């Protein structure tokens, strides 16, 4: 988990827990990634509906 956190957000889990500003930045980035994923899924589902 530590390696994945560092690769994705550039900070380790200990630093994430220690600093509220870093935690907020990571959570905002995670939310942004989640919203982009939802858009991709919705677009994919919409394209599937039209191709059927």
PDB file of N, CA and C in Angstrom:
ATOM      1  N   UNK A   1       0.820  -1.185   0.000  1.00  0.00           N
ATOM      2  CA  UNK A   1       0.000   0.000   0.000  1.00  0.00           C
ATOM      3  C   UNK A   1       0.869   1.257   0.000  1.00  0.00           C
ATOM      4  N   UNK A   2       1.955   1.196   0.731  1.00  0.00           N
ATOM      5  CA  UNK A   2       2.874   2.339   0.795  1.00  0.00           C
ATOM      6  C   UNK A   2       3.421   2.678  -0.587  1.00  0.00           C
ATOM      7  N   UNK A   3       3.829   1.651  -1.317  1.00  0.00           N
ATOM      8  CA  UNK A   3       4.401   1.861  -2.651  1.00  0.00           C
ATOM      9  C   UNK A   3       3.354   2.450  -3.599  1.00  0.00           C
ATOM     10  N   UNK A   4       2.149   1.934  -3.554  1.00  0.00           N
ATOM     11  CA  UNK A   4       1.081   2.431  -4.422  1.00  0.00           C
ATOM     12  C   UNK A   4       0.748   3.883  -4.083  1.00  0.00           C
ATOM     13  N   UNK A   5       0.717   4.210  -2.815  1.00  0.00           N
ATOM     14  CA  UNK A   5       0.430   5.586  -2.383  1.00  0.00           C
ATOM     15  C   UNK A   5       1.513   6.523  -2.896  1.00  0.00           C
ATOM     16  N   UNK A   6       2.744   6.099  -2.782  1.00  0.00           N
ATOM     17  CA  UNK A   6       3.854   6.946  -3.230  1.00  0.00           C
ATOM     18  C   UNK A   6       3.841   7.100  -4.749  1.00  0.00           C
ATOM     19  N   UNK A   7       3.567   6.017  -5.472  1.00  0.00           N
ATOM     20  CA  UNK A   7       3.541   6.088  -6.933  1.00  0.00           C
ATOM     21  C   UNK A   7       2.384   6.954  -7.434  1.00  0.00           C
ATOM     22  N   UNK A   8       1.250   6.865  -6.776  1.00  0.00           N
ATOM     23  CA  UNK A   8       0.070   7.597  -7.240  1.00  0.00           C
ATOM     24  C   UNK A   8       0.081   9.072  -6.854  1.00  0.00           C
ATOM     25  N   UNK A   9       0.533   9.355  -5.632  1.00  0.00           N
ATOM     26  CA  UNK A   9       0.391  10.717  -5.114  1.00  0.00           C
ATOM     27  C   UNK A   9       1.696  11.382  -4.697  1.00  0.00           C
ATOM     28  N   UNK A  10       2.781  10.650  -4.756  1.00  0.00           N
ATOM     29  CA  UNK A  10       4.081  11.238  -4.472  1.00  0.00           C
ATOM     30  C   UNK A  10       4.415  11.406  -3.002  1.00  0.00           C
ATOM     31  N   UNK A  11       3.580  10.845  -2.120  1.00  0.00           N
ATOM     32  CA  UNK A  11       3.886  10.883  -0.692  1.00  0.00           C
ATOM     33  C   UNK A  11       3.608   9.524  -0.088  1.00  0.00           C
ATOM     34  N   UNK A  12       4.267   9.237   1.006  1.00  0.00           N
ATOM     35  CA  UNK A  12       4.051   7.984   1.699  1.00  0.00           C
ATOM     36  C   UNK A  12       2.879   8.084   2.654  1.00  0.00           C
ATOM     37  N   UNK A  13       2.449   6.922   3.153  1.00  0.00           N
ATOM     38  CA  UNK A  13       1.297   6.877   4.035  1.00  0.00           C
ATOM     39  C   UNK A  13       1.539   7.615   5.351  1.00  0.00           C
ATOM     40  N   UNK A  14       2.751   7.530   5.891  1.00  0.00           N
ATOM     41  CA  UNK A  14       3.065   8.212   7.155  1.00  0.00           C
ATOM     42  C   UNK A  14       2.937   9.726   6.987  1.00  0.00           C
ATOM     43  N   UNK A  15       3.453  10.246   5.890  1.00  0.00           N
ATOM     44  CA  UNK A  15       3.348  11.683   5.622  1.00  0.00           C
ATOM     45  C   UNK A  15       1.889  12.081   5.388  1.00  0.00           C
ATOM     46  N   UNK A  16       1.142  11.226   4.723  1.00  0.00           N
ATOM     47  CA  UNK A  16      -0.286  11.449   4.486  1.00  0.00           C
ATOM     48  C   UNK A  16      -1.021  11.601   5.814  1.00  0.00           C
ATOM     49  N   UNK A  17      -0.717  10.721   6.766  1.00  0.00           N
ATOM     50  CA  UNK A  17      -1.371  10.773   8.075  1.00  0.00           C
ATOM     51  C   UNK A  17      -0.924  11.968   8.909  1.00  0.00           C
ATOM     52  N   UNK A  18       0.312  12.379   8.754  1.00  0.00           N
ATOM     53  CA  UNK A  18       0.887  13.406   9.604  1.00  0.00           C
ATOM     54  C   UNK A  18       0.435  14.812   9.232  1.00  0.00           C
ATOM     55  N   UNK A  19       0.228  15.080   7.959  1.00  0.00           N
ATOM     56  CA  UNK A  19      -0.005  16.449   7.497  1.00  0.00           C
ATOM     57  C   UNK A  19      -1.398  16.587   6.878  1.00  0.00           C
ATOM     58  N   UNK A  20      -2.245  17.401   7.490  1.00  0.00           N
ATOM     59  CA  UNK A  20      -3.616  17.578   7.022  1.00  0.00           C
ATOM     60  C   UNK A  20      -3.663  18.183   5.624  1.00  0.00           C
ATOM     61  N   UNK A  21      -2.771  19.122   5.326  1.00  0.00           N
ATOM     62  CA  UNK A  21      -2.755  19.725   3.985  1.00  0.00           C
ATOM     63  C   UNK A  21      -2.474  18.681   2.909  1.00  0.00           C
ATOM     64  N   UNK A  22      -1.502  17.814   3.166  1.00  0.00           N
ATOM     65  CA  UNK A  22      -1.199  16.738   2.210  1.00  0.00           C
ATOM     66  C   UNK A  22      -2.379  15.794   2.085  1.00  0.00           C
ATOM     67  N   UNK A  23      -3.016  15.484   3.198  1.00  0.00           N
ATOM     68  CA  UNK A  23      -4.161  14.588   3.168  1.00  0.00           C
ATOM     69  C   UNK A  23      -5.289  15.179   2.319  1.00  0.00           C
ATOM     70  N   UNK A  24      -5.524  16.469   2.461  1.00  0.00           N
ATOM     71  CA  UNK A  24      -6.578  17.123   1.689  1.00  0.00           C
ATOM     72  C   UNK A  24      -6.239  17.111   0.193  1.00  0.00           C
ATOM     73  N   UNK A  25      -4.982  17.351  -0.143  1.00  0.00           N
ATOM     74  CA  UNK A  25      -4.566  17.317  -1.552  1.00  0.00           C
ATOM     75  C   UNK A  25      -4.770  15.925  -2.143  1.00  0.00           C
ATOM     76  N   UNK A  26      -4.378  14.906  -1.400  1.00  0.00           N
ATOM     77  CA  UNK A  26      -4.531  13.529  -1.877  1.00  0.00           C
ATOM     78  C   UNK A  26      -6.009  13.192  -2.047  1.00  0.00           C
ATOM     79  N   UNK A  27      -6.823  13.567  -1.078  1.00  0.00           N
ATOM     80  CA  UNK A  27      -8.249  13.256  -1.166  1.00  0.00           C
ATOM     81  C   UNK A  27      -8.916  14.010  -2.317  1.00  0.00           C
ATOM     82  N   UNK A  28      -8.496  15.225  -2.581  1.00  0.00           N
ATOM     83  CA  UNK A  28      -9.029  15.957  -3.729  1.00  0.00           C
ATOM     84  C   UNK A  28      -8.630  15.276  -5.029  1.00  0.00           C
ATOM     85  N   UNK A  29      -7.398  14.820  -5.099  1.00  0.00           N
ATOM     86  CA  UNK A  29      -6.922  14.116  -6.293  1.00  0.00           C
ATOM     87  C   UNK A  29      -7.666  12.795  -6.478  1.00  0.00           C
ATOM     88  N   UNK A  30      -7.894  12.093  -5.369  1.00  0.00           N
ATOM     89  CA  UNK A  30      -8.644  10.839  -5.444  1.00  0.00           C
ATOM     90  C   UNK A  30     -10.073  11.080  -5.920  1.00  0.00           C
ATOM     91  N   UNK A  31     -10.683  12.149  -5.429  1.00  0.00           N
ATOM     92  CA  UNK A  31     -12.034  12.485  -5.851  1.00  0.00           C
ATOM     93  C   UNK A  31     -12.076  12.824  -7.345  1.00  0.00           C
ATOM     94  N   UNK A  32     -11.079  13.588  -7.784  1.00  0.00           N
ATOM     95  CA  UNK A  32     -10.993  13.936  -9.205  1.00  0.00           C
ATOM     96  C   UNK A  32     -10.837  12.683 -10.061  1.00  0.00           C
ATOM     97  N   UNK A  33      -9.972  11.763  -9.633  1.00  0.00           N
ATOM     98  CA  UNK A  33      -9.780  10.499 -10.354  1.00  0.00           C
ATOM     99  C   UNK A  33     -11.079   9.691 -10.394  1.00  0.00           C
ATOM    100  N   UNK A  34     -11.792   9.683  -9.288  1.00  0.00           N
ATOM    101  CA  UNK A  34     -13.048   8.949  -9.209  1.00  0.00           C
ATOM    102  C   UNK A  34     -14.082   9.539 -10.169  1.00  0.00           C
ATOM    103  N   UNK A  35     -14.185  10.856 -10.194  1.00  0.00           N
ATOM    104  CA  UNK A  35     -15.137  11.514 -11.101  1.00  0.00           C
ATOM    105  C   UNK A  35     -14.792  11.227 -12.563  1.00  0.00           C
ATOM    106  N   UNK A  36     -13.510  11.246 -12.899  1.00  0.00           N
ATOM    107  CA  UNK A  36     -13.094  10.925 -14.269  1.00  0.00           C
ATOM    108  C   UNK A  36     -13.439   9.481 -14.611  1.00  0.00           C
ATOM    109  N   UNK A  37     -13.270   8.580 -13.666  1.00  0.00           N
ATOM    110  CA  UNK A  37     -13.609   7.174 -13.899  1.00  0.00           C
ATOM    111  C   UNK A  37     -15.104   7.012 -14.142  1.00  0.00           C
ATOM    112  N   UNK A  38     -15.916   7.714 -13.358  1.00  0.00           N
ATOM    113  CA  UNK A  38     -17.362   7.648 -13.550  1.00  0.00           C
ATOM    114  C   UNK A  38     -17.762   8.173 -14.922  1.00  0.00           C
ATOM    115  N   UNK A  39     -17.123   9.244 -15.362  1.00  0.00           N
ATOM    116  CA  UNK A  39     -17.412   9.780 -16.689  1.00  0.00           C
ATOM    117  C   UNK A  39     -17.062   8.763 -17.771  1.00  0.00           C
ATOM    118  N   UNK A  40     -15.919   8.112 -17.624  1.00  0.00           N
ATOM    119  CA  UNK A  40     -15.507   7.111 -18.610  1.00  0.00           C
ATOM    120  C   UNK A  40     -16.491   5.952 -18.655  1.00  0.00           C
ATOM    121  N   UNK A  41     -16.923   5.484 -17.507  1.00  0.00           N
ATOM    122  CA  UNK A  41     -17.875   4.372 -17.453  1.00  0.00           C
ATOM    123  C   UNK A  41     -19.199   4.784 -18.083  1.00  0.00           C
ATOM    124  N   UNK A  42     -19.675   5.973 -17.753  1.00  0.00           N
ATOM    125  CA  UNK A  42     -20.932   6.446 -18.328  1.00  0.00           C
ATOM    126  C   UNK A  42     -20.836   6.579 -19.845  1.00  0.00           C
ATOM    127  N   UNK A  43     -19.728   7.094 -20.327  1.00  0.00           N
ATOM    128  CA  UNK A  43     -19.523   7.232 -21.768  1.00  0.00           C
ATOM    129  C   UNK A  43     -19.490   5.858 -22.438  1.00  0.00           C
ATOM    130  N   UNK A  44     -18.794   4.939 -21.819  1.00  0.00           N
ATOM    131  CA  UNK A  44     -18.710   3.578 -22.359  1.00  0.00           C
ATOM    132  C   UNK A  44     -20.101   2.936 -22.404  1.00  0.00           C
ATOM    133  N   UNK A  45     -20.852   3.071 -21.323  1.00  0.00           N
ATOM    134  CA  UNK A  45     -22.197   2.499 -21.270  1.00  0.00           C
ATOM    135  C   UNK A  45     -23.108   3.136 -22.323  1.00  0.00           C
ATOM    136  N   UNK A  46     -22.967   4.428 -22.512  1.00  0.00           N
ATOM    137  CA  UNK A  46     -23.775   5.119 -23.508  1.00  0.00           C
ATOM    138  C   UNK A  46     -23.440   4.616 -24.916  1.00  0.00           C
ATOM    139  N   UNK A  47     -22.162   4.428 -25.191  1.00  0.00           N
ATOM    140  CA  UNK A  47     -21.756   3.923 -26.499  1.00  0.00           C
ATOM    141  C   UNK A  47     -22.260   2.502 -26.722  1.00  0.00           C
ATOM    142  N   UNK A  48     -22.269   1.694 -25.682  1.00  0.00           N
ATOM    143  CA  UNK A  48     -22.785   0.333 -25.805  1.00  0.00           C
ATOM    144  C   UNK A  48     -24.282   0.333 -26.122  1.00  0.00           C
ATOM    145  N   UNK A  49     -25.015   1.228 -25.523  1.00  0.00           N
ATOM    146  CA  UNK A  49     -26.457   1.286 -25.764  1.00  0.00           C
ATOM    147  C   UNK A  49     -26.750   1.629 -27.220  1.00  0.00           C
ATOM    148  N   UNK A  50     -25.958   2.521 -27.810  1.00  0.00           N
ATOM    149  CA  UNK A  50     -26.190   2.912 -29.193  1.00  0.00           C
ATOM    150  C   UNK A  50     -25.731   1.854 -30.185  1.00  0.00           C
ATOM    151  N   UNK A  51     -24.813   1.007 -29.787  1.00  0.00           N
ATOM    152  CA  UNK A  51     -24.314   0.007 -30.723  1.00  0.00           C
ATOM    153  C   UNK A  51     -25.162  -1.260 -30.741  1.00  0.00           C
ATOM    154  N   UNK A  52     -26.051  -1.379 -29.806  1.00  0.00           N
ATOM    155  CA  UNK A  52     -26.871  -2.599 -29.727  1.00  0.00           C
ATOM    156  C   UNK A  52     -28.071  -2.513 -30.624  1.00  0.00           C
TER     157      UNK A  52
END
